[in-house]
Protein backbone atom coordinates (compact mmCIF):
# COMPACT_ATOMS: atom_id res chain seq x y z
CA MET A 1 -12.80 -4.12 33.18
CA ALA A 2 -9.97 -4.82 34.95
CA ALA A 3 -11.27 -6.37 38.62
CA LYS A 4 -10.84 -3.27 40.39
CA GLU A 5 -12.57 -0.96 38.64
CA LYS A 6 -15.41 0.29 39.31
CA PHE A 7 -18.23 1.64 36.66
CA ASN A 8 -19.77 5.21 36.94
CA LEU A 9 -21.50 7.18 34.50
CA GLU A 10 -18.87 9.81 32.64
CA ARG A 11 -20.50 13.42 32.86
CA ALA A 12 -20.43 15.30 29.37
CA LYS A 13 -18.18 19.07 29.57
CA SER A 14 -21.72 20.43 28.50
CA PRO A 15 -25.28 19.37 27.21
CA GLU A 16 -24.33 20.49 23.77
CA GLU A 17 -21.13 18.08 23.54
CA VAL A 18 -23.74 15.34 23.59
CA GLY A 19 -26.09 16.28 21.43
CA VAL A 20 -29.00 18.22 24.32
CA ASP A 21 -30.09 21.99 23.79
CA SER A 22 -29.78 22.97 27.56
CA LYS A 23 -31.80 25.70 26.15
CA GLU A 24 -34.71 23.26 25.33
CA VAL A 25 -34.14 21.62 29.10
CA VAL A 26 -34.85 24.98 31.10
CA GLU A 27 -37.89 25.05 28.82
CA PHE A 28 -39.21 21.32 29.83
CA LEU A 29 -38.28 23.00 33.68
CA ARG A 30 -40.75 25.64 33.40
CA ASP A 31 -43.11 23.80 31.90
CA MET A 32 -42.97 21.50 34.44
CA LYS A 33 -43.29 24.15 36.78
CA GLU A 34 -45.96 25.95 35.34
CA ASN A 35 -48.20 22.47 35.05
CA LYS A 36 -47.59 22.23 38.79
CA LEU A 37 -46.03 18.91 37.93
CA GLU A 38 -43.58 17.26 41.02
CA PHE A 39 -40.82 16.08 39.15
CA HIS A 40 -38.13 15.46 42.13
CA SER A 41 -35.10 14.28 40.08
CA PHE A 42 -34.50 14.46 36.18
CA MET A 43 -31.44 12.69 34.05
CA VAL A 44 -30.77 12.94 30.46
CA ILE A 45 -28.25 10.51 28.97
CA LYS A 46 -26.79 11.44 25.56
CA ASP A 47 -24.04 9.28 23.45
CA GLY A 48 -23.39 7.18 26.96
CA LYS A 49 -22.74 10.15 29.19
CA VAL A 50 -24.89 12.26 31.45
CA ALA A 51 -25.49 15.76 29.55
CA CYS A 52 -27.38 16.92 32.70
CA GLU A 53 -29.06 16.07 35.95
CA PHE A 54 -31.51 18.16 38.52
CA TYR A 55 -32.51 17.36 42.15
CA ARG A 56 -35.33 19.42 43.44
CA SER A 57 -34.74 20.50 47.30
CA PRO A 58 -35.51 18.29 49.26
CA PHE A 59 -34.12 16.05 47.25
CA ASN A 60 -30.81 14.78 46.15
CA LYS A 61 -28.32 12.92 44.14
CA GLU A 62 -27.47 10.37 47.39
CA THR A 63 -30.49 9.12 48.79
CA PRO A 64 -32.46 6.69 47.28
CA HIS A 65 -36.23 6.95 46.00
CA SER A 66 -38.94 4.65 45.66
CA ALA A 67 -39.16 3.47 42.61
CA TYR A 68 -43.03 1.32 42.27
CA SER A 69 -43.45 -0.23 39.24
CA ILE A 70 -40.09 -0.20 38.02
CA SER A 71 -39.20 -2.39 40.69
CA LYS A 72 -40.71 -5.00 37.58
CA THR A 73 -38.17 -4.37 35.17
CA VAL A 74 -34.81 -5.20 37.45
CA THR A 75 -37.18 -8.34 38.40
CA ALA A 76 -37.61 -9.49 34.59
CA ILE A 77 -33.50 -8.75 34.29
CA ALA A 78 -33.23 -11.26 37.00
CA VAL A 79 -35.61 -13.54 34.98
CA GLY A 80 -33.14 -13.26 32.04
CA PHE A 81 -30.61 -14.07 34.54
CA ALA A 82 -31.96 -17.12 36.01
CA ILE A 83 -33.31 -18.73 32.24
CA LYS A 84 -29.66 -18.20 30.96
CA GLU A 85 -28.85 -20.27 33.53
CA GLY A 86 -31.10 -22.87 33.50
CA LEU A 87 -33.29 -22.22 36.97
CA PHE A 88 -36.37 -22.69 35.06
CA SER A 89 -37.50 -21.60 31.21
CA LEU A 90 -40.26 -19.25 30.19
CA ASP A 91 -42.89 -21.75 29.59
CA THR A 92 -41.93 -23.48 33.28
CA ARG A 93 -45.85 -23.39 34.58
CA VAL A 94 -46.61 -21.74 37.87
CA VAL A 95 -48.13 -25.12 39.67
CA ASP A 96 -44.75 -26.90 38.78
CA VAL A 97 -42.77 -24.52 41.22
CA PHE A 98 -44.89 -24.65 43.54
CA PRO A 99 -46.86 -27.07 43.76
CA GLU A 100 -48.02 -27.28 47.26
CA TYR A 101 -50.06 -24.53 46.57
CA ILE A 102 -52.74 -25.89 44.32
CA PRO A 103 -56.08 -25.42 45.90
CA GLU A 104 -58.08 -28.51 46.07
CA LYS A 105 -60.78 -27.05 44.17
CA ALA A 106 -58.41 -25.60 41.57
CA ASP A 107 -59.81 -23.57 38.13
CA GLY A 108 -58.39 -25.09 35.50
CA ARG A 109 -56.58 -22.40 34.27
CA ILE A 110 -54.11 -22.09 36.80
CA PHE A 111 -52.37 -25.43 35.19
CA LYS A 112 -51.74 -23.02 32.08
CA VAL A 113 -49.79 -20.11 33.81
CA THR A 114 -46.35 -19.59 32.59
CA VAL A 115 -43.03 -17.79 33.47
CA ARG A 116 -44.18 -16.03 30.03
CA ASN A 117 -47.80 -15.25 31.31
CA LEU A 118 -46.33 -13.30 34.55
CA LEU A 119 -43.61 -11.70 32.58
CA THR A 120 -45.81 -10.34 29.75
CA MET A 121 -49.07 -9.44 32.44
CA THR A 122 -51.29 -12.24 30.87
CA ALA A 123 -51.78 -14.02 33.35
CA GLY A 124 -55.59 -13.79 34.05
CA ILE A 125 -55.52 -13.47 37.68
CA GLN A 126 -56.42 -10.72 39.66
CA PRO A 127 -56.15 -11.10 43.39
CA SER A 128 -58.24 -8.50 45.14
CA PHE A 129 -57.53 -4.68 45.89
CA LEU A 130 -58.23 -5.08 49.63
CA SER A 131 -56.19 -8.08 50.60
CA ASP A 132 -54.47 -6.97 53.57
CA LYS A 133 -50.91 -7.89 52.61
CA GLY A 134 -49.72 -8.20 56.48
CA LYS A 135 -52.18 -10.94 57.03
CA ILE A 136 -51.83 -13.47 54.43
CA ASP A 137 -49.31 -15.60 52.97
CA TRP A 138 -48.87 -13.81 49.22
CA ILE A 139 -48.29 -17.21 47.41
CA GLU A 140 -51.54 -19.12 48.57
CA ASP A 141 -53.84 -15.53 48.07
CA TYR A 142 -52.41 -15.87 44.49
CA PHE A 143 -53.40 -19.41 43.80
CA ASN A 144 -56.40 -18.75 45.62
CA SER A 145 -57.57 -15.35 43.44
CA SER A 146 -60.35 -15.37 41.12
CA PHE A 147 -59.40 -15.26 36.98
CA TYR A 148 -60.81 -12.23 34.90
CA GLY A 149 -59.86 -14.54 31.83
CA GLU A 150 -57.70 -17.17 29.89
CA PRO A 151 -54.24 -17.01 30.52
CA GLY A 152 -53.08 -14.93 27.21
CA THR A 153 -55.13 -12.10 28.28
CA PHE A 154 -53.40 -8.74 29.57
CA ARG A 155 -54.46 -7.02 32.66
CA TYR A 156 -51.94 -5.34 34.30
CA VAL A 157 -51.25 -7.11 37.82
CA ASN A 158 -48.86 -6.14 40.35
CA GLU A 159 -49.00 -9.66 41.22
CA ASN A 160 -47.52 -11.27 38.73
CA THR A 161 -43.99 -9.79 39.37
CA PHE A 162 -44.25 -11.01 43.02
CA MET A 163 -44.47 -14.39 41.45
CA LEU A 164 -41.58 -14.15 39.56
CA SER A 165 -39.97 -12.69 42.51
CA ALA A 166 -40.99 -16.02 44.32
CA ILE A 167 -39.89 -18.21 41.68
CA ILE A 168 -36.71 -17.03 41.64
CA CYS A 169 -35.64 -16.97 45.34
CA LYS A 170 -37.17 -20.47 45.41
CA THR A 171 -35.17 -21.85 42.94
CA ALA A 172 -31.58 -20.06 43.60
CA ASN A 173 -32.54 -21.03 46.60
CA MET A 174 -31.68 -17.05 47.51
CA THR A 175 -33.81 -13.68 47.83
CA LEU A 176 -33.73 -11.83 45.05
CA ARG A 177 -31.38 -9.21 46.09
CA GLU A 178 -28.38 -11.70 46.85
CA TYR A 179 -29.14 -13.68 43.27
CA LEU A 180 -28.84 -9.91 41.61
CA LYS A 181 -25.75 -9.11 43.71
CA PRO A 182 -22.94 -10.92 42.17
CA ARG A 183 -25.15 -10.34 38.46
CA LEU A 184 -26.40 -6.91 38.25
CA PHE A 185 -25.99 -4.55 41.38
CA GLU A 186 -21.83 -5.00 41.67
CA PRO A 187 -21.01 -5.00 37.71
CA LEU A 188 -23.02 -1.87 37.89
CA ASN A 189 -21.23 -0.45 40.99
CA ILE A 190 -24.57 0.00 42.55
CA GLU A 191 -24.79 -0.48 46.58
CA VAL A 192 -27.22 -3.53 46.94
CA PRO A 193 -30.43 -1.29 47.68
CA PHE A 194 -33.64 -1.95 49.78
CA TRP A 195 -36.16 -3.58 48.73
CA GLU A 196 -39.57 -4.65 50.51
CA THR A 197 -40.71 -8.18 51.39
CA ASN A 198 -43.78 -10.37 52.21
CA GLN A 199 -43.52 -12.09 55.84
CA ALA A 200 -41.14 -14.54 54.25
CA GLY A 201 -38.82 -12.39 53.38
CA ILE A 202 -39.48 -12.50 49.51
CA GLU A 203 -38.86 -9.41 47.79
CA ALA A 204 -42.13 -7.90 46.50
CA GLY A 205 -40.78 -8.42 42.91
CA GLY A 206 -43.15 -5.16 41.31
CA TRP A 207 -43.04 -2.67 43.61
CA GLY A 208 -41.21 -1.71 47.20
CA LEU A 209 -37.47 -1.20 45.46
CA TYR A 210 -35.42 1.65 46.67
CA LEU A 211 -32.96 3.46 44.00
CA LYS A 212 -31.31 6.44 43.37
CA LEU A 213 -31.64 8.04 40.36
CA GLU A 214 -28.10 7.22 39.16
CA ASP A 215 -28.43 3.82 40.09
CA LEU A 216 -31.64 3.86 38.19
CA ALA A 217 -29.84 5.45 34.96
CA LYS A 218 -27.16 2.46 35.31
CA ILE A 219 -29.57 0.15 34.76
CA MET A 220 -31.45 1.49 31.94
CA TYR A 221 -28.48 2.95 30.19
CA CYS A 222 -26.93 -1.22 30.66
CA LEU A 223 -30.27 -1.58 28.45
CA SER A 224 -30.00 0.76 26.46
CA ASN A 225 -26.67 -0.59 25.41
CA LYS A 226 -27.89 -4.35 24.58
CA GLY A 227 -26.92 -5.06 28.08
CA LYS A 228 -23.26 -4.43 27.95
CA ILE A 229 -21.48 -1.59 29.98
CA GLU A 230 -17.98 -0.56 28.16
CA LYS A 231 -16.61 -3.97 27.14
CA GLN A 232 -18.36 -6.37 29.61
CA GLN A 233 -21.93 -8.20 28.89
CA ILE A 234 -24.26 -7.52 32.04
CA ILE A 235 -27.48 -8.88 30.49
CA PRO A 236 -27.68 -11.23 28.46
CA GLU A 237 -27.84 -9.53 25.43
CA GLU A 238 -30.44 -12.05 23.01
CA TRP A 239 -32.91 -11.35 26.81
CA VAL A 240 -32.45 -7.88 26.61
CA ALA A 241 -33.75 -7.29 22.73
CA GLU A 242 -36.39 -10.18 23.81
CA MET A 243 -37.54 -8.14 27.17
CA THR A 244 -37.81 -4.97 25.12
CA GLU A 245 -39.92 -5.65 22.17
CA ALA A 246 -43.72 -6.11 22.49
CA HIS A 247 -45.28 -9.26 23.89
CA ALA A 248 -48.73 -8.48 25.34
CA ASP A 249 -51.58 -7.00 22.99
CA THR A 250 -52.15 -3.97 24.93
CA SER A 251 -54.35 -2.37 22.21
CA ILE A 252 -57.56 -2.44 24.62
CA CYS A 253 -55.92 0.27 26.56
CA LYS A 254 -57.35 4.13 26.17
CA ASN A 255 -53.85 5.60 26.22
CA ILE A 256 -51.28 7.11 23.93
CA ASP A 257 -48.37 5.62 26.08
CA THR A 258 -50.12 2.71 26.92
CA ASP A 259 -51.60 0.60 23.94
CA LYS A 260 -48.75 -0.15 21.66
CA GLY A 261 -47.42 -2.97 23.57
CA TYR A 262 -46.07 -5.05 26.82
CA GLY A 263 -42.69 -6.96 26.82
CA TYR A 264 -41.08 -8.27 30.01
CA CYS A 265 -42.25 -5.80 32.54
CA VAL A 266 -41.17 -2.55 30.40
CA TRP A 267 -43.85 -0.32 27.97
CA ARG A 268 -43.67 0.28 24.54
CA ASN A 269 -43.62 4.25 23.83
CA GLY A 270 -46.42 5.44 21.57
CA GLY A 271 -47.24 8.33 19.03
CA ASP A 272 -43.81 8.98 17.24
CA ILE A 273 -41.55 8.45 20.40
CA ASN A 274 -40.02 4.84 19.54
CA GLY A 275 -38.61 3.09 21.87
CA TYR A 276 -39.48 1.80 25.51
CA ARG A 277 -39.68 2.40 29.10
CA ALA A 278 -39.64 1.17 32.70
CA ASN A 279 -42.79 2.51 34.50
CA GLY A 280 -43.42 3.11 37.82
CA MET A 281 -46.92 4.80 39.54
CA PHE A 282 -46.65 8.28 40.07
CA SER A 283 -44.35 9.20 37.12
CA GLN A 284 -41.15 7.14 37.81
CA PHE A 285 -39.58 7.01 34.58
CA GLY A 286 -36.51 5.43 32.82
CA ILE A 287 -37.19 6.18 29.22
CA VAL A 288 -34.92 4.90 25.98
CA PHE A 289 -34.65 6.44 23.04
CA PRO A 290 -32.96 4.39 20.69
CA LYS A 291 -32.86 6.27 17.49
CA GLU A 292 -30.92 9.30 19.87
CA ASP A 293 -29.15 7.19 21.92
CA ALA A 294 -30.56 8.90 24.50
CA ILE A 295 -31.97 8.03 28.10
CA ILE A 296 -34.29 9.76 30.22
CA VAL A 297 -34.58 8.52 34.03
CA SER A 298 -37.08 10.55 36.04
CA PHE A 299 -38.45 10.19 39.85
CA GLY A 300 -41.81 12.19 40.71
CA ALA A 301 -44.96 12.63 42.88
CA ILE A 302 -47.56 13.10 39.54
CA ALA A 303 -50.28 10.79 40.01
CA SER A 304 -51.66 11.54 36.44
CA GLU A 305 -48.75 9.28 34.38
CA GLN A 306 -49.51 10.56 30.94
CA GLU A 307 -49.64 14.09 32.02
CA ALA A 308 -45.84 13.75 33.63
CA ARG A 309 -44.69 11.96 30.67
CA ASP A 310 -46.71 14.36 27.67
CA CYS A 311 -44.53 16.81 29.48
CA ILE A 312 -41.40 15.72 28.78
CA TRP A 313 -42.20 14.50 25.38
CA ARG A 314 -42.76 18.55 24.90
CA HIS A 315 -39.20 18.25 24.66
CA PHE A 316 -37.79 15.33 24.11
CA PRO A 317 -36.23 14.29 21.51
CA LYS A 318 -36.89 18.10 20.39
CA ALA A 319 -33.69 18.53 23.04
CA PHE A 320 -31.75 15.91 21.03
CA ILE A 321 -29.52 18.30 18.37
CA GLU A 322 -26.05 17.65 16.52
CA PRO A 323 -23.23 16.99 19.18
CA ASP A 324 -20.83 20.06 19.25
CA LYS A 325 -17.45 18.89 20.65
CA LYS A 326 -16.36 21.61 21.37
CA ALA A 327 -18.88 22.82 23.91
CA LYS A 328 -17.56 23.55 27.29
CA LYS A 329 -20.29 25.38 28.17
CA PRO A 330 -24.31 25.25 27.94
CA VAL A 331 -25.65 27.75 25.89
CA PHE A 332 -28.05 28.72 28.65
CA GLU A 333 -25.50 30.30 30.65
CA ASP A 334 -26.79 30.16 34.22
CA PHE A 335 -27.82 26.42 33.81
CA TYR A 336 -26.26 24.60 36.38
CA ASN A 337 -27.95 27.19 38.87
CA ILE A 338 -31.31 26.60 37.54
CA ALA A 339 -32.57 24.02 40.05
CA ASP A 340 -32.35 26.83 42.59
CA GLU A 341 -35.51 28.21 41.12
CA PHE A 342 -37.68 24.95 41.45
CA LYS A 343 -37.57 23.48 45.00
CA ILE A 344 -40.36 21.55 46.23
CA ASP A 345 -40.77 22.28 50.19
CA ASN A 346 -40.02 26.16 50.43
CA PRO A 347 -41.76 27.20 53.94
CA THR A 348 -42.25 30.37 54.68
CA ALA A 349 -41.99 31.50 59.00
CA SER A 350 -44.71 30.46 60.93
CA ILE A 351 -46.49 33.00 63.61
CA ARG A 352 -46.13 31.87 67.19
CA SER A 353 -49.71 30.88 69.12
CA LEU A 354 -50.44 30.96 72.70
CA GLN A 355 -51.64 27.56 72.69
CA GLU A 356 -47.35 26.37 72.65
CA ALA A 357 -47.22 27.07 76.45
CA LYS A 358 -50.00 24.40 77.08
CA LEU A 359 -48.57 22.05 74.58
CA ASN A 360 -45.69 21.85 75.97
CA ASN A 361 -46.53 20.42 79.10
CA LYS A 362 -49.95 18.30 77.35
CA THR A 363 -49.85 14.73 75.35
CA ILE A 364 -52.60 14.43 72.86
CA GLU A 365 -54.15 10.74 73.15
CA LEU A 366 -56.30 10.21 69.53
CA LYS A 367 -59.01 7.55 69.33
CA LYS A 368 -58.59 4.40 66.93
CA LYS A 369 -60.43 4.28 63.72
CA ILE A 370 -62.42 1.03 64.42
CA LEU A 371 -62.64 0.76 60.34
CA LEU A 372 -59.19 1.37 59.13
CA ASN A 373 -58.29 -1.65 61.71
CA LEU A 374 -60.82 -3.54 60.32
CA ILE A 375 -59.07 -3.31 56.62
CA GLY A 376 -55.44 -3.25 57.83
CA PHE A 377 -54.94 0.43 56.99
CA PRO A 378 -54.82 2.37 60.26
CA VAL A 379 -53.46 5.77 59.33
CA SER A 380 -50.02 6.18 59.85
CA VAL A 381 -47.54 9.39 59.64
CA ILE A 382 -45.91 7.56 56.23
CA PRO A 383 -49.10 8.29 53.80
CA PHE A 384 -51.00 5.52 52.45
CA THR A 385 -49.71 6.10 49.08
CA VAL A 386 -46.28 4.44 50.12
CA THR A 387 -47.99 2.06 52.29
CA PHE A 388 -50.95 0.67 50.09
CA LEU A 389 -48.59 -2.55 48.77
CA ASN A 390 -46.42 -3.57 52.21
CA GLY A 391 -46.78 -6.56 53.66
CA LYS A 392 -45.94 -4.60 57.06
CA LYS A 393 -47.85 -1.52 58.32
CA ALA A 394 -47.57 0.93 60.78
CA GLY A 395 -50.48 3.51 62.02
CA ASN A 396 -52.54 4.29 64.56
CA ILE A 397 -50.98 7.88 65.40
CA ASP A 398 -50.89 8.44 68.88
CA ASN A 399 -49.54 9.55 72.16
CA ILE A 400 -48.56 13.24 70.20
CA ASN A 401 -46.61 15.43 72.74
CA PHE A 402 -45.02 18.85 71.32
CA THR A 403 -42.28 20.55 72.24
CA PHE A 404 -41.90 24.22 71.10
CA LYS A 405 -38.44 26.31 71.14
CA GLU A 406 -37.26 29.95 69.60
CA ASN A 407 -37.33 28.41 65.50
CA GLU A 408 -38.78 25.30 65.93
CA CYS A 409 -40.75 22.65 67.22
CA LEU A 410 -40.50 18.91 67.96
CA MET A 411 -42.92 16.75 67.45
CA SER A 412 -43.01 12.39 69.39
CA TRP A 413 -45.73 10.02 68.63
CA SER A 414 -46.28 6.03 68.44
CA GLU A 415 -47.60 4.21 66.58
CA GLY A 416 -47.88 0.59 67.88
CA ASN A 417 -44.80 -0.08 69.52
CA GLU A 418 -42.93 2.04 67.74
CA LYS A 419 -41.53 5.55 69.03
CA ASN A 420 -40.72 8.43 66.89
CA THR A 421 -39.59 12.57 67.43
CA VAL A 422 -38.86 14.79 64.75
CA THR A 423 -37.82 18.51 64.47
CA CYS A 424 -39.99 20.90 62.36
CA GLY A 425 -38.76 24.61 61.43
CA MET A 426 -40.94 26.93 61.87
CA ASP A 427 -38.32 29.68 60.87
CA GLY A 428 -38.92 29.44 57.11
CA HIS A 429 -36.07 26.08 57.11
CA LEU A 430 -36.76 23.00 56.98
CA ARG A 431 -35.32 20.77 59.39
CA TYR A 432 -34.25 17.13 58.82
CA GLY A 433 -33.88 13.53 60.68
CA ASP A 434 -34.49 10.09 60.92
CA ILE A 435 -37.90 7.70 61.20
CA THR A 436 -38.58 4.39 62.10
CA LEU A 437 -42.06 2.76 61.02
CA ALA A 438 -43.18 -1.10 60.18
CA GLY A 439 -39.24 -1.70 60.66
CA VAL A 440 -38.04 0.80 57.49
CA LYS A 441 -36.13 3.45 57.80
CA TYR A 442 -36.70 6.64 56.43
CA LYS A 443 -34.86 10.17 56.35
CA VAL A 444 -37.38 12.83 56.66
CA CYS A 445 -37.75 16.73 56.29
CA CYS A 446 -40.06 18.70 57.94
CA TYR A 447 -41.49 21.82 59.11
CA ALA A 448 -44.80 23.24 60.74
CA VAL A 449 -46.96 26.43 60.59
CA TRP A 450 -49.43 27.81 62.84
CA ASP A 451 -52.47 28.91 60.42
CA ASP A 452 -53.94 30.67 63.25
CA ASN A 453 -54.04 30.73 67.28
CA ASP A 454 -55.59 27.40 67.24
CA ILE A 455 -54.56 25.36 63.91
CA LEU A 456 -51.26 23.80 63.36
CA LYS A 457 -50.50 22.31 60.60
CA VAL A 458 -47.52 19.99 60.84
CA ASN A 459 -45.33 18.78 57.46
CA ILE A 460 -43.24 15.42 57.20
CA ARG A 461 -41.72 14.20 53.87
CA PRO A 462 -40.17 10.95 53.75
CA ILE A 463 -37.62 11.87 51.47
CA GLU A 464 -36.85 8.06 50.11
CA THR A 465 -40.85 8.21 49.26
CA ALA A 466 -42.96 10.17 46.44
CA SER A 467 -45.22 11.30 49.04
CA LYS A 468 -45.38 13.98 51.77
CA ARG A 469 -47.66 13.63 55.11
CA LYS A 470 -49.75 16.29 56.20
CA LEU A 471 -51.40 16.34 59.70
CA LYS A 472 -53.87 19.79 60.99
CA PHE A 473 -54.54 19.94 64.42
CA THR A 474 -56.93 22.16 64.89
CA PHE A 475 -57.31 22.91 68.70
CA ILE A 476 -60.36 23.50 70.69
CA GLY A 477 -61.77 24.85 73.93
CA THR A 478 -59.08 23.41 76.57
CA GLU A 479 -59.00 19.81 75.94
CA LYS A 480 -60.71 19.01 72.88
CA VAL A 481 -58.13 18.46 69.56
CA VAL A 482 -59.02 17.56 65.57
CA MET A 483 -56.18 15.83 63.66
CA LYS A 484 -57.13 15.78 60.00
CA PRO A 485 -54.31 13.38 58.33
CA LEU A 486 -53.74 14.45 54.54
CA SER A 487 -50.82 13.78 52.27
CA THR A 488 -49.21 14.27 48.60
CA PRO A 489 -49.79 12.99 46.21
CA LYS A 490 -53.42 12.91 47.57
CA VAL A 491 -55.25 10.17 47.88
CA LYS A 492 -57.63 10.82 45.69
CA ASP A 493 -55.67 11.55 42.94
CA MET A 494 -54.36 8.09 43.50
CA ALA A 495 -57.51 6.63 43.88
CA GLU A 496 -59.04 7.84 40.40
CA SER A 497 -55.21 7.10 38.64
CA LEU A 498 -56.03 3.43 39.63
CA ALA A 499 -59.48 3.99 38.23
CA GLY A 500 -58.38 5.29 35.09
CA ALA A 501 -55.77 2.17 34.78
CA ALA A 502 -58.52 -0.25 35.67
CA ALA A 503 -61.10 1.23 33.27
CA GLU A 504 -58.96 1.14 29.77
CA ILE A 505 -59.23 -2.52 30.20
CA ILE A 506 -62.58 -3.03 31.79
CA ASP A 507 -65.06 -3.77 29.12
CA ASN A 508 -67.96 -2.59 31.59
CA ASP A 509 -69.06 1.01 31.39
CA LEU A 510 -71.47 0.60 34.38
CA VAL A 511 -68.23 -1.17 36.31
CA VAL A 512 -66.28 2.16 35.22
CA LYS A 513 -69.06 4.54 36.56
CA VAL A 514 -69.06 2.79 39.89
CA MET A 515 -65.17 2.99 40.18
CA GLN A 516 -65.24 6.39 39.15
CA LYS A 517 -67.78 7.67 41.88
CA ALA A 518 -66.19 5.35 44.33
CA THR A 519 -63.05 7.48 43.92
CA LYS A 520 -64.80 10.40 45.42
CA TYR A 521 -65.24 8.85 49.00
CA VAL A 522 -61.40 6.94 49.55
CA PRO A 523 -60.09 10.25 50.99
CA TRP A 524 -63.09 10.44 53.55
CA VAL A 525 -62.16 6.58 54.59
CA LEU A 526 -58.78 6.50 54.20
CA GLU A 527 -58.17 9.82 55.68
CA PRO A 528 -60.62 10.62 57.92
CA ARG A 529 -60.62 12.86 61.32
CA HIS A 530 -59.46 12.18 63.98
CA LYS A 531 -60.30 12.88 67.30
CA GLY A 532 -58.60 13.61 70.28
CA LYS A 533 -58.12 15.46 73.98
CA LEU A 534 -55.13 16.89 75.83
CA VAL A 535 -54.38 15.07 78.64
CA GLY A 536 -51.83 15.30 81.23
CA ARG A 537 -47.85 15.13 80.00
CA LYS A 538 -46.86 11.62 78.77
CA ASP A 539 -42.60 11.31 78.65
CA ILE A 540 -42.86 7.57 77.47
CA TYR A 541 -40.35 8.92 74.88
């Protein structure tokens, strides 16, 4: 590749040109809608070309999206570069990289944990789910965590991949993004993405990466093409082959798409699908179909990943057909306009309330929730489903001002030392803006609706994430206010998904039943009603 050329995925003239049935793609979209599956964006690559792509409003091709555990696959690629360059090996022990963290009374098993164990989720270590990552040293916490079994025993643990990130940062003497910039991001023409870090500036590794859909497509295409783009070897070919094979026995898992083995931060697909995938929470997917020379990448907000995959499997690889090189148009005539039928946020115009005149001159003060602050999860405009693994957290929504105008309202609020304002459409149209919380910038789209004269619902969607925050304000009498925070995906669905994943690998029925019952109380704990009052207007914004 010439030095000045930039790599871009080529677009097919039509899906059929490269062997994708446009009618079957439309059937997939309708299946998705009928089953209320919130895919945000979707792309199919066949024979090296983009056959089709869809972005459901308000999502778009230019805005990155939280990739969740797809981050792990990118970290594993970085490990491949590091091993090729001799920074460490698969057999390097974690204690040899971080001897300063070995506890005085160390469990002897810590001396057996290797890079290979981290890559294959077989380290045997299980950090606490309740650790507040804003207050701990992540490496120290890992070393002090309990063992669930001997190294070599599979259990999916996010922090294993963080440790890989930390190992690269220490041995390369640079951040993970700095390390990947000349090796992966620049060759694939990917702008260096945002990646959440701990307090020391080490990327989370196993989560926290934000990618555009096409960025993910380029990475998965490179993997599917033995690490090459055009004639240039980007990822070491031998690493791609090794990375995408099953190395960990996951037969303990009870799910058709999780019991076929785990490679180096990739899953082997189940059933008759063959191939492998990068997989993130809430149904972020990078799926490779080797036999069909095809790739599917998607972002979404679907708590049950198996339901999302099953929807895909109902139509793919069925949609892959013989290419028709002469097909300049899709067989389905209105194919390129079909996405207009599948908008996600489609608000209606709101009634108006007599409360508006009063609220224009008042500020809402809310009482802090002591329990949420003790456990490190105060309610934020950014939903818990986004922030639960963050090293920095906002929270404690307070000092809320509403300013109502003809077709919209402005909502201003504080969280700690940060203050933000969003504009909410009330005329059936979204309004777009920017906010910053916990030092992270988000693009948001917002709307507000009065249910009746005393109930206002505000919807704020950070469009880089899988989630939407819903705030329900109930005004009681002249001064009292109750705010109920809600979100999509629902916190309960996330808890059930995590409990289900844990149940797959915990061979104790009593423990599983306790976990399943506990999920019923998660929304009550993490999204409780907040009592407040109206006071004289504070113009602090």
